PDB file of all heavy atoms in Angstrom:
ATOM      1  N   MET A   1       7.640   6.298  -9.083  1.00  0.00           N
ATOM      2  CA  MET A   1       8.089   5.689  -7.821  1.00  0.00           C
ATOM      3  C   MET A   1       6.908   5.485  -6.888  1.00  0.00           C
ATOM      4  O   MET A   1       6.809   4.445  -6.214  1.00  0.00           O
ATOM      5  CB  MET A   1       9.161   6.556  -7.165  1.00  0.00           C
ATOM      6  CG  MET A   1      10.485   6.499  -7.895  1.00  0.00           C
ATOM      7  SD  MET A   1      11.764   7.451  -7.094  1.00  0.00           S
ATOM      8  CE  MET A   1      12.112   6.429  -5.687  1.00  0.00           C
ATOM      9  N   HIS A   2       5.988   6.435  -6.851  1.00  0.00           N
ATOM     10  CA  HIS A   2       4.795   6.317  -6.010  1.00  0.00           C
ATOM     11  C   HIS A   2       3.970   5.092  -6.437  1.00  0.00           C
ATOM     12  O   HIS A   2       3.517   4.308  -5.589  1.00  0.00           O
ATOM     13  CB  HIS A   2       3.958   7.594  -6.108  1.00  0.00           C
ATOM     14  CG  HIS A   2       2.697   7.561  -5.324  1.00  0.00           C
ATOM     15  ND1 HIS A   2       2.691   7.614  -3.952  1.00  0.00           N
ATOM     16  CD2 HIS A   2       1.400   7.463  -5.714  1.00  0.00           C
ATOM     17  CE1 HIS A   2       1.431   7.570  -3.526  1.00  0.00           C
ATOM     18  NE2 HIS A   2       0.624   7.473  -4.592  1.00  0.00           N
ATOM     19  N   ASP A   3       3.805   4.927  -7.760  1.00  0.00           N
ATOM     20  CA  ASP A   3       3.062   3.776  -8.279  1.00  0.00           C
ATOM     21  C   ASP A   3       3.763   2.470  -7.901  1.00  0.00           C
ATOM     22  O   ASP A   3       3.119   1.491  -7.507  1.00  0.00           O
ATOM     23  CB  ASP A   3       2.917   3.872  -9.803  1.00  0.00           C
ATOM     24  CG  ASP A   3       1.944   4.954 -10.236  1.00  0.00           C
ATOM     25  OD1 ASP A   3       1.171   5.453  -9.377  1.00  0.00           O
ATOM     26  OD2 ASP A   3       1.951   5.326 -11.437  1.00  0.00           O
ATOM     27  N   ARG A   4       5.095   2.413  -7.986  1.00  0.00           N
ATOM     28  CA  ARG A   4       5.849   1.204  -7.634  1.00  0.00           C
ATOM     29  C   ARG A   4       5.683   0.876  -6.158  1.00  0.00           C
ATOM     30  O   ARG A   4       5.485  -0.286  -5.778  1.00  0.00           O
ATOM     31  CB  ARG A   4       7.329   1.393  -7.958  1.00  0.00           C
ATOM     32  CG  ARG A   4       7.634   1.281  -9.420  1.00  0.00           C
ATOM     33  CD  ARG A   4       9.117   1.396  -9.657  1.00  0.00           C
ATOM     34  NE  ARG A   4       9.419   1.428 -11.077  1.00  0.00           N
ATOM     35  CZ  ARG A   4      10.599   1.716 -11.569  1.00  0.00           C
ATOM     36  NH1 ARG A   4      11.612   2.013 -10.747  1.00  0.00           N
ATOM     37  NH2 ARG A   4      10.802   1.717 -12.872  1.00  0.00           N
ATOM     38  N   ILE A   5       5.792   1.919  -5.324  1.00  0.00           N
ATOM     39  CA  ILE A   5       5.649   1.701  -3.881  1.00  0.00           C
ATOM     40  C   ILE A   5       4.249   1.192  -3.574  1.00  0.00           C
ATOM     41  O   ILE A   5       4.088   0.246  -2.789  1.00  0.00           O
ATOM     42  CB  ILE A   5       5.953   2.994  -3.100  1.00  0.00           C
ATOM     43  CG1 ILE A   5       7.450   3.314  -3.202  1.00  0.00           C
ATOM     44  CG2 ILE A   5       5.518   2.888  -1.648  1.00  0.00           C
ATOM     45  CD1 ILE A   5       7.825   4.664  -2.621  1.00  0.00           C
ATOM     46  N   GLU A   6       3.244   1.788  -4.196  1.00  0.00           N
ATOM     47  CA  GLU A   6       1.864   1.335  -3.988  1.00  0.00           C
ATOM     48  C   GLU A   6       1.714  -0.125  -4.396  1.00  0.00           C
ATOM     49  O   GLU A   6       1.068  -0.921  -3.708  1.00  0.00           O
ATOM     50  CB  GLU A   6       0.910   2.206  -4.820  1.00  0.00           C
ATOM     51  CG  GLU A   6      -0.081   2.958  -4.005  1.00  0.00           C
ATOM     52  CD  GLU A   6      -0.997   3.812  -4.892  1.00  0.00           C
ATOM     53  OE1 GLU A   6      -1.535   3.309  -5.896  1.00  0.00           O
ATOM     54  OE2 GLU A   6      -1.157   4.978  -4.530  1.00  0.00           O
ATOM     55  N   HIS A   7       2.308  -0.465  -5.521  1.00  0.00           N
ATOM     56  CA  HIS A   7       2.227  -1.831  -6.029  1.00  0.00           C
ATOM     57  C   HIS A   7       2.894  -2.801  -5.052  1.00  0.00           C
ATOM     58  O   HIS A   7       2.362  -3.866  -4.746  1.00  0.00           O
ATOM     59  CB  HIS A   7       2.892  -1.897  -7.408  1.00  0.00           C
ATOM     60  CG  HIS A   7       2.868  -3.243  -8.028  1.00  0.00           C
ATOM     61  ND1 HIS A   7       1.707  -3.840  -8.451  1.00  0.00           N
ATOM     62  CD2 HIS A   7       3.878  -4.135  -8.290  1.00  0.00           C
ATOM     63  CE1 HIS A   7       1.988  -5.029  -8.942  1.00  0.00           C
ATOM     64  NE2 HIS A   7       3.306  -5.223  -8.857  1.00  0.00           N
ATOM     65  N   LEU A   8       4.084  -2.410  -4.547  1.00  0.00           N
ATOM     66  CA  LEU A   8       4.782  -3.262  -3.583  1.00  0.00           C
ATOM     67  C   LEU A   8       3.981  -3.422  -2.308  1.00  0.00           C
ATOM     68  O   LEU A   8       3.903  -4.521  -1.735  1.00  0.00           O
ATOM     69  CB  LEU A   8       6.158  -2.681  -3.281  1.00  0.00           C
ATOM     70  CG  LEU A   8       7.209  -2.811  -4.379  1.00  0.00           C
ATOM     71  CD1 LEU A   8       8.480  -2.046  -3.999  1.00  0.00           C
ATOM     72  CD2 LEU A   8       7.535  -4.270  -4.643  1.00  0.00           C
ATOM     73  N   ILE A   9       3.376  -2.328  -1.838  1.00  0.00           N
ATOM     74  CA  ILE A   9       2.576  -2.392  -0.608  1.00  0.00           C
ATOM     75  C   ILE A   9       1.389  -3.314  -0.806  1.00  0.00           C
ATOM     76  O   ILE A   9       1.082  -4.144   0.060  1.00  0.00           O
ATOM     77  CB  ILE A   9       2.120  -0.986  -0.180  1.00  0.00           C
ATOM     78  CG1 ILE A   9       3.323  -0.181   0.317  1.00  0.00           C
ATOM     79  CG2 ILE A   9       1.052  -1.063   0.902  1.00  0.00           C
ATOM     80  CD1 ILE A   9       3.013   1.271   0.611  1.00  0.00           C
ATOM     81  N   GLU A  10       0.744  -3.213  -1.960  1.00  0.00           N
ATOM     82  CA  GLU A  10      -0.401  -4.084  -2.236  1.00  0.00           C
ATOM     83  C   GLU A  10       0.035  -5.547  -2.284  1.00  0.00           C
ATOM     84  O   GLU A  10      -0.680  -6.419  -1.807  1.00  0.00           O
ATOM     85  CB  GLU A  10      -1.057  -3.685  -3.559  1.00  0.00           C
ATOM     86  CG  GLU A  10      -1.876  -2.437  -3.454  1.00  0.00           C
ATOM     87  CD  GLU A  10      -2.461  -2.023  -4.810  1.00  0.00           C
ATOM     88  OE1 GLU A  10      -2.403  -2.806  -5.780  1.00  0.00           O
ATOM     89  OE2 GLU A  10      -2.974  -0.888  -4.881  1.00  0.00           O
ATOM     90  N   LYS A  11       1.217  -5.825  -2.846  1.00  0.00           N
ATOM     91  CA  LYS A  11       1.737  -7.190  -2.899  1.00  0.00           C
ATOM     92  C   LYS A  11       1.977  -7.717  -1.493  1.00  0.00           C
ATOM     93  O   LYS A  11       1.626  -8.847  -1.173  1.00  0.00           O
ATOM     94  CB  LYS A  11       3.040  -7.240  -3.688  1.00  0.00           C
ATOM     95  CG  LYS A  11       2.866  -7.396  -5.142  1.00  0.00           C
ATOM     96  CD  LYS A  11       4.235  -7.613  -5.769  1.00  0.00           C
ATOM     97  CE  LYS A  11       4.135  -7.793  -7.255  1.00  0.00           C
ATOM     98  NZ  LYS A  11       5.466  -7.980  -7.866  1.00  0.00           N
ATOM     99  N   GLN A  12       2.575  -6.841  -0.656  1.00  0.00           N
ATOM    100  CA  GLN A  12       2.874  -7.267   0.713  1.00  0.00           C
ATOM    101  C   GLN A  12       1.592  -7.511   1.490  1.00  0.00           C
ATOM    102  O   GLN A  12       1.490  -8.465   2.241  1.00  0.00           O
ATOM    103  CB  GLN A  12       3.730  -6.226   1.429  1.00  0.00           C
ATOM    104  CG  GLN A  12       5.160  -6.217   0.979  1.00  0.00           C
ATOM    105  CD  GLN A  12       5.953  -5.130   1.690  1.00  0.00           C
ATOM    106  OE1 GLN A  12       5.397  -4.348   2.453  1.00  0.00           O
ATOM    107  NE2 GLN A  12       7.258  -5.095   1.425  1.00  0.00           N
ATOM    108  N   VAL A  13       0.618  -6.672   1.283  1.00  0.00           N
ATOM    109  CA  VAL A  13      -0.650  -6.813   2.010  1.00  0.00           C
ATOM    110  C   VAL A  13      -1.348  -8.096   1.551  1.00  0.00           C
ATOM    111  O   VAL A  13      -1.870  -8.858   2.353  1.00  0.00           O
ATOM    112  CB  VAL A  13      -1.544  -5.583   1.767  1.00  0.00           C
ATOM    113  CG1 VAL A  13      -2.953  -5.832   2.255  1.00  0.00           C
ATOM    114  CG2 VAL A  13      -0.950  -4.385   2.464  1.00  0.00           C
ATOM    115  N   SER A  14      -1.333  -8.359   0.246  1.00  0.00           N
ATOM    116  CA  SER A  14      -2.014  -9.558  -0.254  1.00  0.00           C
ATOM    117  C   SER A  14      -1.286 -10.817   0.171  1.00  0.00           C
ATOM    118  O   SER A  14      -1.897 -11.848   0.398  1.00  0.00           O
ATOM    119  CB  SER A  14      -2.170  -9.478  -1.765  1.00  0.00           C
ATOM    120  OG  SER A  14      -0.911  -9.505  -2.389  1.00  0.00           O
ATOM    121  N   ARG A  15       0.046 -10.827   0.340  1.00  0.00           N
ATOM    122  CA  ARG A  15       0.805 -11.989   0.785  1.00  0.00           C
ATOM    123  C   ARG A  15       0.658 -12.210   2.277  1.00  0.00           C
ATOM    124  O   ARG A  15       0.505 -13.330   2.726  1.00  0.00           O
ATOM    125  CB  ARG A  15       2.290 -11.782   0.487  1.00  0.00           C
ATOM    126  CG  ARG A  15       2.664 -12.100  -0.908  1.00  0.00           C
ATOM    127  CD  ARG A  15       4.174 -12.109  -1.024  1.00  0.00           C
ATOM    128  NE  ARG A  15       4.526 -11.708  -2.365  1.00  0.00           N
ATOM    129  CZ  ARG A  15       5.665 -11.186  -2.734  1.00  0.00           C
ATOM    130  NH1 ARG A  15       6.593 -10.961  -1.824  1.00  0.00           N
ATOM    131  NH2 ARG A  15       5.894 -10.893  -3.960  1.00  0.00           N
ATOM    132  N   GLY A  16       0.766 -11.176   2.994  1.00  0.00           N
ATOM    133  CA  GLY A  16       0.803 -11.299   4.442  1.00  0.00           C
ATOM    134  C   GLY A  16      -0.568 -11.286   5.071  1.00  0.00           C
ATOM    135  O   GLY A  16      -0.697 -11.234   6.285  1.00  0.00           O
ATOM    136  N   GLY A  17      -1.620 -11.329   4.308  1.00  0.00           N
ATOM    137  CA  GLY A  17      -2.957 -11.261   4.874  1.00  0.00           C
ATOM    138  C   GLY A  17      -3.339  -9.823   5.055  1.00  0.00           C
ATOM    139  O   GLY A  17      -2.754  -8.920   4.489  1.00  0.00           O
ATOM    140  N   HIS A  18      -4.334  -9.658   5.871  1.00  0.00           N
ATOM    141  CA  HIS A  18      -4.780  -8.287   6.095  1.00  0.00           C
ATOM    142  C   HIS A  18      -3.974  -7.676   7.202  1.00  0.00           C
ATOM    143  O   HIS A  18      -3.865  -8.217   8.279  1.00  0.00           O
ATOM    144  CB  HIS A  18      -6.275  -8.288   6.477  1.00  0.00           C
ATOM    145  CG  HIS A  18      -7.135  -8.735   5.339  1.00  0.00           C
ATOM    146  ND1 HIS A  18      -7.285  -8.002   4.206  1.00  0.00           N
ATOM    147  CD2 HIS A  18      -7.864  -9.865   5.173  1.00  0.00           C
ATOM    148  CE1 HIS A  18      -8.095  -8.648   3.384  1.00  0.00           C
ATOM    149  NE2 HIS A  18      -8.460  -9.792   3.950  1.00  0.00           N
ATOM    150  N   SER A  19      -3.396  -6.576   6.945  1.00  0.00           N
ATOM    151  CA  SER A  19      -2.585  -5.886   7.934  1.00  0.00           C
ATOM    152  C   SER A  19      -3.465  -4.993   8.775  1.00  0.00           C
ATOM    153  O   SER A  19      -4.431  -4.432   8.295  1.00  0.00           O
ATOM    154  CB  SER A  19      -1.508  -5.066   7.209  1.00  0.00           C
ATOM    155  OG  SER A  19      -0.879  -4.225   8.110  1.00  0.00           O
ATOM    156  N   SER A  20      -3.130  -4.932  10.025  1.00  0.00           N
ATOM    157  CA  SER A  20      -3.902  -4.059  10.904  1.00  0.00           C
ATOM    158  C   SER A  20      -3.402  -2.637  10.838  1.00  0.00           C
ATOM    159  O   SER A  20      -3.929  -1.750  11.483  1.00  0.00           O
ATOM    160  CB  SER A  20      -3.824  -4.581  12.345  1.00  0.00           C
ATOM    161  OG  SER A  20      -2.483  -4.559  12.745  1.00  0.00           O
ATOM    162  N   ARG A  21      -2.331  -2.467  10.098  1.00  0.00           N
ATOM    163  CA  ARG A  21      -1.767  -1.125   9.969  1.00  0.00           C
ATOM    164  C   ARG A  21      -2.704  -0.251   9.144  1.00  0.00           C
ATOM    165  O   ARG A  21      -3.214  -0.659   8.120  1.00  0.00           O
ATOM    166  CB  ARG A  21      -0.408  -1.238   9.267  1.00  0.00           C
ATOM    167  CG  ARG A  21       0.332   0.070   9.108  1.00  0.00           C
ATOM    168  CD  ARG A  21       1.705  -0.170   8.511  1.00  0.00           C
ATOM    169  NE  ARG A  21       1.630  -0.465   7.077  1.00  0.00           N
ATOM    170  CZ  ARG A  21       1.700   0.467   6.122  1.00  0.00           C
ATOM    171  NH1 ARG A  21       1.857   1.721   6.428  1.00  0.00           N
ATOM    172  NH2 ARG A  21       1.631   0.135   4.848  1.00  0.00           N
ATOM    173  N   VAL A  22      -2.932   1.014   9.580  1.00  0.00           N
ATOM    174  CA  VAL A  22      -3.789   1.967   8.887  1.00  0.00           C
ATOM    175  C   VAL A  22      -2.931   2.715   7.868  1.00  0.00           C
ATOM    176  O   VAL A  22      -1.834   3.151   8.180  1.00  0.00           O
ATOM    177  CB  VAL A  22      -4.412   2.964   9.878  1.00  0.00           C
ATOM    178  CG1 VAL A  22      -5.265   3.986   9.144  1.00  0.00           C
ATOM    179  CG2 VAL A  22      -5.190   2.224  10.937  1.00  0.00           C
ATOM    180  N   ARG A  23      -3.464   2.818   6.690  1.00  0.00           N
ATOM    181  CA  ARG A  23      -2.715   3.527   5.653  1.00  0.00           C
ATOM    182  C   ARG A  23      -2.742   5.032   5.889  1.00  0.00           C
ATOM    183  O   ARG A  23      -3.741   5.571   6.336  1.00  0.00           O
ATOM    184  CB  ARG A  23      -3.306   3.243   4.283  1.00  0.00           C
ATOM    185  CG  ARG A  23      -3.063   1.832   3.831  1.00  0.00           C
ATOM    186  CD  ARG A  23      -3.545   1.672   2.431  1.00  0.00           C
ATOM    187  NE  ARG A  23      -3.234   0.343   1.959  1.00  0.00           N
ATOM    188  CZ  ARG A  23      -3.488  -0.069   0.752  1.00  0.00           C
ATOM    189  NH1 ARG A  23      -4.060   0.738  -0.119  1.00  0.00           N
ATOM    190  NH2 ARG A  23      -3.178  -1.285   0.385  1.00  0.00           N
ATOM    191  N   SER A  24      -1.656   5.677   5.546  1.00  0.00           N
ATOM    192  CA  SER A  24      -1.611   7.132   5.690  1.00  0.00           C
ATOM    193  C   SER A  24      -2.289   7.766   4.488  1.00  0.00           C
ATOM    194  O   SER A  24      -2.507   7.131   3.466  1.00  0.00           O
ATOM    195  CB  SER A  24      -0.158   7.608   5.799  1.00  0.00           C
ATOM    196  OG  SER A  24       0.486   7.394   4.571  1.00  0.00           O
ATOM    197  N   LYS A  25      -2.583   9.055   4.620  1.00  0.00           N
ATOM    198  CA  LYS A  25      -3.248   9.793   3.536  1.00  0.00           C
ATOM    199  C   LYS A  25      -2.409   9.797   2.271  1.00  0.00           C
ATOM    200  O   LYS A  25      -2.934   9.760   1.164  1.00  0.00           O
ATOM    201  CB  LYS A  25      -3.509  11.248   3.946  1.00  0.00           C
ATOM    202  CG  LYS A  25      -4.841  11.489   4.534  1.00  0.00           C
ATOM    203  CD  LYS A  25      -5.042  12.986   4.660  1.00  0.00           C
ATOM    204  CE  LYS A  25      -6.449  13.267   5.105  1.00  0.00           C
ATOM    205  NZ  LYS A  25      -6.690  14.693   5.262  1.00  0.00           N
ATOM    206  N   SER A  26      -1.117   9.844   2.420  1.00  0.00           N
ATOM    207  CA  SER A  26      -0.250   9.921   1.249  1.00  0.00           C
ATOM    208  C   SER A  26      -0.356   8.665   0.396  1.00  0.00           C
ATOM    209  O   SER A  26      -0.099   8.697  -0.794  1.00  0.00           O
ATOM    210  CB  SER A  26       1.194  10.172   1.657  1.00  0.00           C
ATOM    211  OG  SER A  26       1.672   9.071   2.393  1.00  0.00           O
ATOM    212  N   GLU A  27      -0.729   7.576   0.977  1.00  0.00           N
ATOM    213  CA  GLU A  27      -0.877   6.348   0.209  1.00  0.00           C
ATOM    214  C   GLU A  27      -2.137   6.383  -0.665  1.00  0.00           C
ATOM    215  O   GLU A  27      -2.209   5.702  -1.668  1.00  0.00           O
ATOM    216  CB  GLU A  27      -0.931   5.138   1.134  1.00  0.00           C
ATOM    217  CG  GLU A  27       0.403   4.863   1.780  1.00  0.00           C
ATOM    218  CD  GLU A  27       0.322   3.709   2.767  1.00  0.00           C
ATOM    219  OE1 GLU A  27      -0.786   3.312   3.153  1.00  0.00           O
ATOM    220  OE2 GLU A  27       1.378   3.207   3.139  1.00  0.00           O
ATOM    221  N   TYR A  28      -3.122   7.164  -0.250  1.00  0.00           N
ATOM    222  CA  TYR A  28      -4.370   7.240  -0.997  1.00  0.00           C
ATOM    223  C   TYR A  28      -4.400   8.372  -2.024  1.00  0.00           C
ATOM    224  O   TYR A  28      -5.367   8.527  -2.740  1.00  0.00           O
ATOM    225  CB  TYR A  28      -5.553   7.428  -0.032  1.00  0.00           C
ATOM    226  CG  TYR A  28      -5.825   6.190   0.772  1.00  0.00           C
ATOM    227  CD1 TYR A  28      -5.435   6.139   2.099  1.00  0.00           C
ATOM    228  CD2 TYR A  28      -6.443   5.101   0.207  1.00  0.00           C
ATOM    229  CE1 TYR A  28      -5.663   5.006   2.846  1.00  0.00           C
ATOM    230  CE2 TYR A  28      -6.687   3.966   0.943  1.00  0.00           C
ATOM    231  CZ  TYR A  28      -6.289   3.922   2.269  1.00  0.00           C
ATOM    232  OH  TYR A  28      -6.520   2.812   2.997  1.00  0.00           O
ATOM    233  N   VAL A  29      -3.343   9.132  -2.076  1.00  0.00           N
ATOM    234  CA  VAL A  29      -3.315  10.256  -3.009  1.00  0.00           C
ATOM    235  C   VAL A  29      -3.290   9.704  -4.424  1.00  0.00           C
ATOM    236  O   VAL A  29      -2.473   8.850  -4.756  1.00  0.00           O
ATOM    237  CB  VAL A  29      -2.073  11.142  -2.773  1.00  0.00           C
ATOM    238  CG1 VAL A  29      -1.953  12.197  -3.863  1.00  0.00           C
ATOM    239  CG2 VAL A  29      -2.146  11.774  -1.405  1.00  0.00           C
ATOM    240  N   SER A  30      -4.213  10.137  -5.208  1.00  0.00           N
ATOM    241  CA  SER A  30      -4.243   9.668  -6.594  1.00  0.00           C
ATOM    242  C   SER A  30      -3.206  10.431  -7.395  1.00  0.00           C
ATOM    243  O   SER A  30      -2.930  11.598  -7.139  1.00  0.00           O
ATOM    244  CB  SER A  30      -5.626   9.863  -7.199  1.00  0.00           C
ATOM    245  OG  SER A  30      -5.929  11.228  -7.257  1.00  0.00           O
ATOM    246  N   SER A  31      -2.648   9.761  -8.326  1.00  0.00           N
ATOM    247  CA  SER A  31      -1.638  10.428  -9.129  1.00  0.00           C
ATOM    248  C   SER A  31      -2.332  11.198 -10.248  1.00  0.00           C
ATOM    249  O   SER A  31      -3.162  10.657 -10.964  1.00  0.00           O
ATOM    250  CB  SER A  31      -0.671   9.401  -9.701  1.00  0.00           C
ATOM    251  OG  SER A  31      -1.381   8.490 -10.497  1.00  0.00           O
TER     252      SER A  31
END
């Protein structure tokens, strides 16, 4: 689920341009 969410977030970021939103630490946690 973490991998899917990361993938969706990356898709949204790549579609919507660069987001000014700062990613939280939990998003950078490697599996």
